Amino acid sequence: MLERIGEMHGREVISVLDGSRIGYLGDIEFDTQQAALTAIVVYGRLRFFGLFGRENDCVIPWSAVKTIGEDAVLVDHIPVKRTPKRSFLQNFFENG
């Protein structure tokens, strides 16, 4: 089955280890030097409608992706979290 990366955006990502829903596929990372996919990214949930940034993103290595279905992506991995993204309001109040 051939698919475009844009068609995968928004698919549910589920862990086969415990059946939990990790989130929705937001992005894909790839290595331009080797022309290889390296990871999928599940964006963190928005905090207070996005005014306070979002929760940590989950980065799942491509090697942990087990199945890509029509509605979901199954992974065999406990996600690694990235640093939280900061919102305009957080930066404004900290920098005065």
Foldseek 3Di string as FASTA:
>chain_A
DDDDPVLQFFAWEAEPVVRDTPATFHAWDDDPVVRGTFWTKHFFAADPVNQFAGDWIWTGTPVQFDDDDNRYTYGHDDTDTDDTDGHPVVVVVVVD
